[in-house]
Amino acid sequence: MSQDKPDIKEILVTVKQLLESIANKSQGGERYDALCGAFLLSVVDRELDFGERQDESQSAELKQLLGREGSLSDLYTRFCQQVRRGDMDEQWPAAFDFAFKQVIDKVSVTNPKYLAEIHRPD
């Protein structure tokens, strides 16, 4: 990433604040559009904070659970196929724990307010 200022995080914060300001002065569709834009910038900001770490963690967990290598997308596909076929029934607690953690990871990016306090990112 560039060392120049403003950095990506500062740009996201500034544009989000601009959209929130527009939303506070607007009504109807314009307000809705501005709030949607501000919300999406928050998602992008959290994705920058957590995304890479989550991907690495999920990939490592899937490799261990499935006993094989592959891209994160391929590992997820294989995991889902095995769960549907019942191949993970013998490992159900581990499979469930993995799936539950993935939901927490995804919600922590999209809207952490929906998570119980114990699951919210620091």
N, C-alpha and C. Protein backbone atom coordinates (compact mmCIF):
# COMPACT_ATOMS: atom_id res chain seq x y z
N MET A 1 0.83 -1.18 0.00
CA MET A 1 0.00 0.00 0.00
C MET A 1 0.88 1.24 0.00
N SER A 2 0.34 2.27 -0.50
CA SER A 2 1.06 3.52 -0.63
C SER A 2 1.36 4.13 0.74
N GLN A 3 2.46 4.82 0.82
CA GLN A 3 2.84 5.52 2.05
C GLN A 3 2.31 6.95 2.05
N ASP A 4 1.67 7.34 0.96
CA ASP A 4 1.18 8.71 0.84
C ASP A 4 -0.06 8.92 1.70
N LYS A 5 -0.30 10.16 2.03
CA LYS A 5 -1.48 10.55 2.80
C LYS A 5 -2.43 11.29 1.88
N PRO A 6 -3.70 11.15 2.00
CA PRO A 6 -4.38 10.26 2.95
C PRO A 6 -4.26 8.81 2.51
N ASP A 7 -4.22 7.90 3.53
CA ASP A 7 -4.17 6.48 3.20
C ASP A 7 -5.59 5.97 2.95
N ILE A 8 -5.71 4.72 2.62
CA ILE A 8 -7.02 4.15 2.26
C ILE A 8 -8.01 4.29 3.40
N LYS A 9 -7.59 4.00 4.62
CA LYS A 9 -8.49 4.09 5.78
C LYS A 9 -8.99 5.52 5.96
N GLU A 10 -8.09 6.48 5.81
CA GLU A 10 -8.50 7.89 5.96
C GLU A 10 -9.48 8.30 4.87
N ILE A 11 -9.27 7.82 3.67
CA ILE A 11 -10.19 8.12 2.57
C ILE A 11 -11.57 7.51 2.86
N LEU A 12 -11.58 6.27 3.31
CA LEU A 12 -12.86 5.62 3.63
C LEU A 12 -13.62 6.39 4.70
N VAL A 13 -12.93 6.79 5.75
CA VAL A 13 -13.56 7.53 6.84
C VAL A 13 -14.10 8.86 6.34
N THR A 14 -13.33 9.56 5.54
CA THR A 14 -13.74 10.87 5.03
C THR A 14 -14.96 10.76 4.13
N VAL A 15 -14.95 9.81 3.22
CA VAL A 15 -16.09 9.66 2.30
C VAL A 15 -17.32 9.19 3.08
N LYS A 16 -17.13 8.31 4.05
CA LYS A 16 -18.26 7.85 4.88
C LYS A 16 -18.86 9.04 5.63
N GLN A 17 -18.03 9.88 6.22
CA GLN A 17 -18.53 11.06 6.93
C GLN A 17 -19.26 12.00 5.99
N LEU A 18 -18.77 12.15 4.77
CA LEU A 18 -19.44 12.98 3.78
C LEU A 18 -20.83 12.42 3.47
N LEU A 19 -20.91 11.12 3.24
CA LEU A 19 -22.20 10.50 2.94
C LEU A 19 -23.17 10.60 4.12
N GLU A 20 -22.66 10.44 5.33
CA GLU A 20 -23.52 10.58 6.51
C GLU A 20 -24.02 12.01 6.64
N SER A 21 -23.18 12.97 6.31
CA SER A 21 -23.60 14.37 6.34
C SER A 21 -24.68 14.63 5.30
N ILE A 22 -24.51 14.08 4.12
CA ILE A 22 -25.53 14.22 3.07
C ILE A 22 -26.83 13.56 3.53
N ALA A 23 -26.73 12.38 4.14
CA ALA A 23 -27.93 11.67 4.62
C ALA A 23 -28.67 12.49 5.66
N ASN A 24 -27.93 13.15 6.54
CA ASN A 24 -28.56 13.95 7.60
C ASN A 24 -29.29 15.17 7.06
N LYS A 25 -28.94 15.60 5.85
CA LYS A 25 -29.57 16.77 5.24
C LYS A 25 -30.57 16.39 4.16
N SER A 26 -30.79 15.09 3.99
CA SER A 26 -31.62 14.62 2.88
C SER A 26 -32.82 13.84 3.38
N GLN A 27 -33.68 13.53 2.42
CA GLN A 27 -34.88 12.73 2.70
C GLN A 27 -35.06 11.74 1.56
N GLY A 28 -35.90 10.76 1.81
CA GLY A 28 -36.31 9.84 0.76
C GLY A 28 -35.16 9.06 0.16
N GLY A 29 -35.21 8.93 -1.16
CA GLY A 29 -34.25 8.12 -1.88
C GLY A 29 -32.83 8.60 -1.75
N GLU A 30 -32.64 9.91 -1.73
CA GLU A 30 -31.28 10.44 -1.60
C GLU A 30 -30.69 10.08 -0.23
N ARG A 31 -31.50 10.19 0.82
CA ARG A 31 -31.04 9.81 2.17
C ARG A 31 -30.69 8.32 2.20
N TYR A 32 -31.56 7.51 1.65
CA TYR A 32 -31.35 6.07 1.62
C TYR A 32 -30.05 5.74 0.87
N ASP A 33 -29.86 6.33 -0.29
CA ASP A 33 -28.65 6.08 -1.07
C ASP A 33 -27.39 6.47 -0.31
N ALA A 34 -27.42 7.62 0.35
CA ALA A 34 -26.26 8.07 1.12
C ALA A 34 -25.98 7.14 2.29
N LEU A 35 -27.03 6.69 2.98
CA LEU A 35 -26.84 5.76 4.10
C LEU A 35 -26.31 4.41 3.62
N CYS A 36 -26.81 3.95 2.48
CA CYS A 36 -26.30 2.69 1.90
C CYS A 36 -24.83 2.82 1.56
N GLY A 37 -24.45 3.94 0.95
CA GLY A 37 -23.04 4.17 0.61
C GLY A 37 -22.16 4.19 1.85
N ALA A 38 -22.62 4.88 2.90
CA ALA A 38 -21.85 4.94 4.15
C ALA A 38 -21.72 3.55 4.77
N PHE A 39 -22.80 2.79 4.75
CA PHE A 39 -22.77 1.42 5.29
C PHE A 39 -21.76 0.57 4.52
N LEU A 40 -21.80 0.64 3.21
CA LEU A 40 -20.89 -0.17 2.39
C LEU A 40 -19.43 0.22 2.61
N LEU A 41 -19.16 1.50 2.82
CA LEU A 41 -17.79 1.92 3.12
C LEU A 41 -17.33 1.34 4.46
N SER A 42 -18.25 1.21 5.41
CA SER A 42 -17.91 0.58 6.69
C SER A 42 -17.57 -0.90 6.49
N VAL A 43 -18.31 -1.56 5.61
CA VAL A 43 -18.04 -2.97 5.31
C VAL A 43 -16.64 -3.10 4.69
N VAL A 44 -16.33 -2.23 3.74
CA VAL A 44 -15.01 -2.25 3.10
C VAL A 44 -13.92 -2.02 4.14
N ASP A 45 -14.13 -1.09 5.03
CA ASP A 45 -13.15 -0.78 6.07
C ASP A 45 -12.90 -2.02 6.95
N ARG A 46 -13.97 -2.68 7.36
CA ARG A 46 -13.81 -3.88 8.19
C ARG A 46 -13.18 -5.02 7.39
N GLU A 47 -13.51 -5.13 6.10
CA GLU A 47 -12.89 -6.16 5.26
C GLU A 47 -11.39 -5.94 5.19
N LEU A 48 -10.96 -4.68 5.08
CA LEU A 48 -9.53 -4.38 5.07
C LEU A 48 -8.88 -4.76 6.40
N ASP A 49 -9.62 -4.56 7.51
CA ASP A 49 -9.09 -4.88 8.83
C ASP A 49 -9.00 -6.39 9.08
N PHE A 50 -10.06 -7.12 8.69
CA PHE A 50 -10.19 -8.52 9.09
C PHE A 50 -10.03 -9.53 7.96
N GLY A 51 -10.31 -9.14 6.73
CA GLY A 51 -10.45 -10.08 5.63
C GLY A 51 -9.29 -11.02 5.42
N GLU A 52 -8.10 -10.49 5.31
CA GLU A 52 -6.94 -11.33 5.02
C GLU A 52 -6.69 -12.32 6.16
N ARG A 53 -6.79 -11.82 7.39
CA ARG A 53 -6.59 -12.68 8.56
C ARG A 53 -7.64 -13.78 8.61
N GLN A 54 -8.90 -13.42 8.32
CA GLN A 54 -9.97 -14.41 8.31
C GLN A 54 -9.74 -15.46 7.23
N ASP A 55 -9.34 -15.01 6.05
CA ASP A 55 -9.08 -15.96 4.96
C ASP A 55 -7.98 -16.95 5.34
N GLU A 56 -6.91 -16.45 5.93
CA GLU A 56 -5.80 -17.33 6.33
C GLU A 56 -6.25 -18.32 7.39
N SER A 57 -7.00 -17.84 8.36
CA SER A 57 -7.48 -18.71 9.43
C SER A 57 -8.44 -19.77 8.89
N GLN A 58 -9.37 -19.35 8.05
CA GLN A 58 -10.35 -20.28 7.48
C GLN A 58 -9.65 -21.33 6.62
N SER A 59 -8.70 -20.91 5.83
CA SER A 59 -7.97 -21.83 4.97
C SER A 59 -7.23 -22.87 5.81
N ALA A 60 -6.55 -22.43 6.85
CA ALA A 60 -5.81 -23.36 7.71
C ALA A 60 -6.76 -24.34 8.39
N GLU A 61 -7.89 -23.83 8.88
CA GLU A 61 -8.85 -24.71 9.54
C GLU A 61 -9.45 -25.73 8.57
N LEU A 62 -9.77 -25.29 7.37
CA LEU A 62 -10.33 -26.21 6.38
C LEU A 62 -9.32 -27.26 5.95
N LYS A 63 -8.07 -26.87 5.78
CA LYS A 63 -7.03 -27.83 5.41
C LYS A 63 -6.91 -28.91 6.48
N GLN A 64 -6.96 -28.50 7.72
CA GLN A 64 -6.86 -29.47 8.82
C GLN A 64 -8.12 -30.34 8.88
N LEU A 65 -9.27 -29.74 8.76
CA LEU A 65 -10.53 -30.47 8.84
C LEU A 65 -10.69 -31.46 7.70
N LEU A 66 -10.31 -31.03 6.50
CA LEU A 66 -10.49 -31.88 5.32
C LEU A 66 -9.27 -32.76 5.01
N GLY A 67 -8.13 -32.41 5.59
CA GLY A 67 -6.92 -33.18 5.34
C GLY A 67 -6.41 -33.05 3.93
N ARG A 68 -6.55 -31.87 3.36
CA ARG A 68 -6.08 -31.65 1.98
C ARG A 68 -5.75 -30.19 1.77
N GLU A 69 -5.01 -29.93 0.70
CA GLU A 69 -4.63 -28.58 0.29
C GLU A 69 -5.62 -28.07 -0.76
N GLY A 70 -5.57 -26.78 -1.02
CA GLY A 70 -6.39 -26.19 -2.06
C GLY A 70 -6.62 -24.72 -1.79
N SER A 71 -7.22 -24.06 -2.76
CA SER A 71 -7.57 -22.64 -2.56
C SER A 71 -8.73 -22.57 -1.56
N LEU A 72 -8.90 -21.43 -0.97
CA LEU A 72 -9.98 -21.26 0.00
C LEU A 72 -11.33 -21.58 -0.63
N SER A 73 -11.53 -21.11 -1.85
CA SER A 73 -12.79 -21.38 -2.54
C SER A 73 -13.01 -22.87 -2.76
N ASP A 74 -11.97 -23.56 -3.20
CA ASP A 74 -12.07 -25.01 -3.43
C ASP A 74 -12.32 -25.76 -2.13
N LEU A 75 -11.64 -25.34 -1.07
CA LEU A 75 -11.82 -25.99 0.23
C LEU A 75 -13.23 -25.78 0.75
N TYR A 76 -13.77 -24.58 0.60
CA TYR A 76 -15.15 -24.32 1.01
C TYR A 76 -16.13 -25.19 0.22
N THR A 77 -15.91 -25.28 -1.08
CA THR A 77 -16.78 -26.10 -1.93
C THR A 77 -16.75 -27.55 -1.46
N ARG A 78 -15.57 -28.07 -1.23
CA ARG A 78 -15.42 -29.46 -0.78
C ARG A 78 -16.07 -29.66 0.59
N PHE A 79 -15.87 -28.71 1.50
CA PHE A 79 -16.48 -28.80 2.83
C PHE A 79 -18.00 -28.88 2.71
N CYS A 80 -18.58 -27.98 1.93
CA CYS A 80 -20.04 -27.96 1.76
C CYS A 80 -20.55 -29.26 1.15
N GLN A 81 -19.84 -29.76 0.15
CA GLN A 81 -20.24 -31.02 -0.48
C GLN A 81 -20.19 -32.16 0.53
N GLN A 82 -19.15 -32.20 1.33
CA GLN A 82 -19.01 -33.28 2.30
C GLN A 82 -20.08 -33.19 3.39
N VAL A 83 -20.40 -31.99 3.82
CA VAL A 83 -21.46 -31.83 4.82
C VAL A 83 -22.79 -32.30 4.24
N ARG A 84 -23.10 -31.89 3.02
CA ARG A 84 -24.37 -32.30 2.38
C ARG A 84 -24.48 -33.81 2.22
N ARG A 85 -23.37 -34.46 1.88
CA ARG A 85 -23.39 -35.91 1.66
C ARG A 85 -23.37 -36.69 2.97
N GLY A 86 -23.13 -36.01 4.08
CA GLY A 86 -23.03 -36.70 5.35
C GLY A 86 -21.63 -37.21 5.66
N ASP A 87 -20.67 -36.84 4.83
CA ASP A 87 -19.30 -37.30 5.04
C ASP A 87 -18.66 -36.71 6.30
N MET A 88 -19.22 -35.64 6.81
CA MET A 88 -18.65 -34.99 7.99
C MET A 88 -19.36 -35.41 9.28
N ASP A 89 -20.30 -36.33 9.18
CA ASP A 89 -21.07 -36.73 10.35
C ASP A 89 -20.19 -37.24 11.49
N GLU A 90 -19.13 -37.93 11.17
CA GLU A 90 -18.21 -38.45 12.20
C GLU A 90 -17.43 -37.31 12.87
N GLN A 91 -17.31 -36.20 12.17
CA GLN A 91 -16.58 -35.04 12.68
C GLN A 91 -17.54 -33.87 12.94
N TRP A 92 -18.78 -34.19 13.22
CA TRP A 92 -19.79 -33.13 13.31
C TRP A 92 -19.43 -32.00 14.26
N PRO A 93 -18.96 -32.25 15.48
CA PRO A 93 -18.62 -31.11 16.36
C PRO A 93 -17.59 -30.17 15.73
N ALA A 94 -16.56 -30.72 15.10
CA ALA A 94 -15.54 -29.87 14.47
C ALA A 94 -16.10 -29.13 13.27
N ALA A 95 -16.94 -29.82 12.47
CA ALA A 95 -17.56 -29.19 11.30
C ALA A 95 -18.49 -28.07 11.74
N PHE A 96 -19.28 -28.32 12.76
CA PHE A 96 -20.20 -27.29 13.26
C PHE A 96 -19.42 -26.09 13.80
N ASP A 97 -18.38 -26.36 14.59
CA ASP A 97 -17.57 -25.27 15.15
C ASP A 97 -16.97 -24.42 14.04
N PHE A 98 -16.49 -25.07 12.98
CA PHE A 98 -15.93 -24.33 11.85
C PHE A 98 -17.01 -23.46 11.20
N ALA A 99 -18.16 -24.05 10.91
CA ALA A 99 -19.24 -23.29 10.25
C ALA A 99 -19.71 -22.12 11.12
N PHE A 100 -19.84 -22.35 12.42
CA PHE A 100 -20.27 -21.29 13.33
C PHE A 100 -19.26 -20.15 13.34
N LYS A 101 -17.97 -20.50 13.38
CA LYS A 101 -16.93 -19.46 13.37
C LYS A 101 -16.97 -18.66 12.07
N GLN A 102 -17.29 -19.31 10.96
CA GLN A 102 -17.35 -18.61 9.68
C GLN A 102 -18.50 -17.60 9.67
N VAL A 103 -19.62 -17.97 10.27
CA VAL A 103 -20.74 -17.03 10.36
C VAL A 103 -20.32 -15.82 11.18
N ILE A 104 -19.66 -16.06 12.29
CA ILE A 104 -19.19 -14.95 13.13
C ILE A 104 -18.23 -14.06 12.34
N ASP A 105 -17.29 -14.68 11.62
CA ASP A 105 -16.34 -13.91 10.81
C ASP A 105 -17.06 -13.04 9.79
N LYS A 106 -18.03 -13.61 9.09
CA LYS A 106 -18.72 -12.88 8.03
C LYS A 106 -19.57 -11.74 8.59
N VAL A 107 -20.26 -12.00 9.70
CA VAL A 107 -21.09 -10.95 10.30
C VAL A 107 -20.21 -9.88 10.93
N SER A 108 -19.02 -10.24 11.41
CA SER A 108 -18.12 -9.23 11.97
C SER A 108 -17.67 -8.24 10.90
N VAL A 109 -17.72 -8.64 9.64
CA VAL A 109 -17.38 -7.74 8.54
C VAL A 109 -18.62 -6.98 8.08
N THR A 110 -19.73 -7.68 7.86
CA THR A 110 -20.90 -7.01 7.29
C THR A 110 -21.61 -6.11 8.29
N ASN A 111 -21.82 -6.58 9.52
CA ASN A 111 -22.49 -5.73 10.51
C ASN A 111 -22.30 -6.31 11.91
N PRO A 112 -21.20 -5.98 12.57
CA PRO A 112 -20.88 -6.57 13.87
C PRO A 112 -21.90 -6.24 14.96
N LYS A 113 -22.75 -5.25 14.75
CA LYS A 113 -23.78 -4.93 15.75
C LYS A 113 -24.74 -6.10 15.95
N TYR A 114 -24.84 -6.98 14.96
CA TYR A 114 -25.74 -8.13 15.07
C TYR A 114 -25.14 -9.29 15.86
N LEU A 115 -23.89 -9.19 16.24
CA LEU A 115 -23.24 -10.24 17.00
C LEU A 115 -23.43 -10.01 18.50
N ALA A 116 -23.52 -11.11 19.24
CA ALA A 116 -23.49 -11.01 20.69
C ALA A 116 -22.16 -10.38 21.10
N GLU A 117 -22.15 -9.71 22.20
CA GLU A 117 -20.96 -8.99 22.67
C GLU A 117 -19.71 -9.88 22.68
N ILE A 118 -19.84 -11.13 23.07
CA ILE A 118 -18.68 -12.02 23.18
C ILE A 118 -18.07 -12.37 21.83
N HIS A 119 -18.84 -12.18 20.74
CA HIS A 119 -18.36 -12.52 19.41
C HIS A 119 -17.90 -11.30 18.61
N ARG A 120 -18.07 -10.11 19.14
CA ARG A 120 -17.69 -8.91 18.39
C ARG A 120 -16.19 -8.75 18.34
N PRO A 121 -15.67 -8.27 17.20
CA PRO A 121 -14.22 -8.05 17.12
C PRO A 121 -13.79 -6.96 18.09
N ASP A 122 -12.54 -7.05 18.50
CA ASP A 122 -11.98 -6.06 19.44
C ASP A 122 -11.90 -4.70 18.83
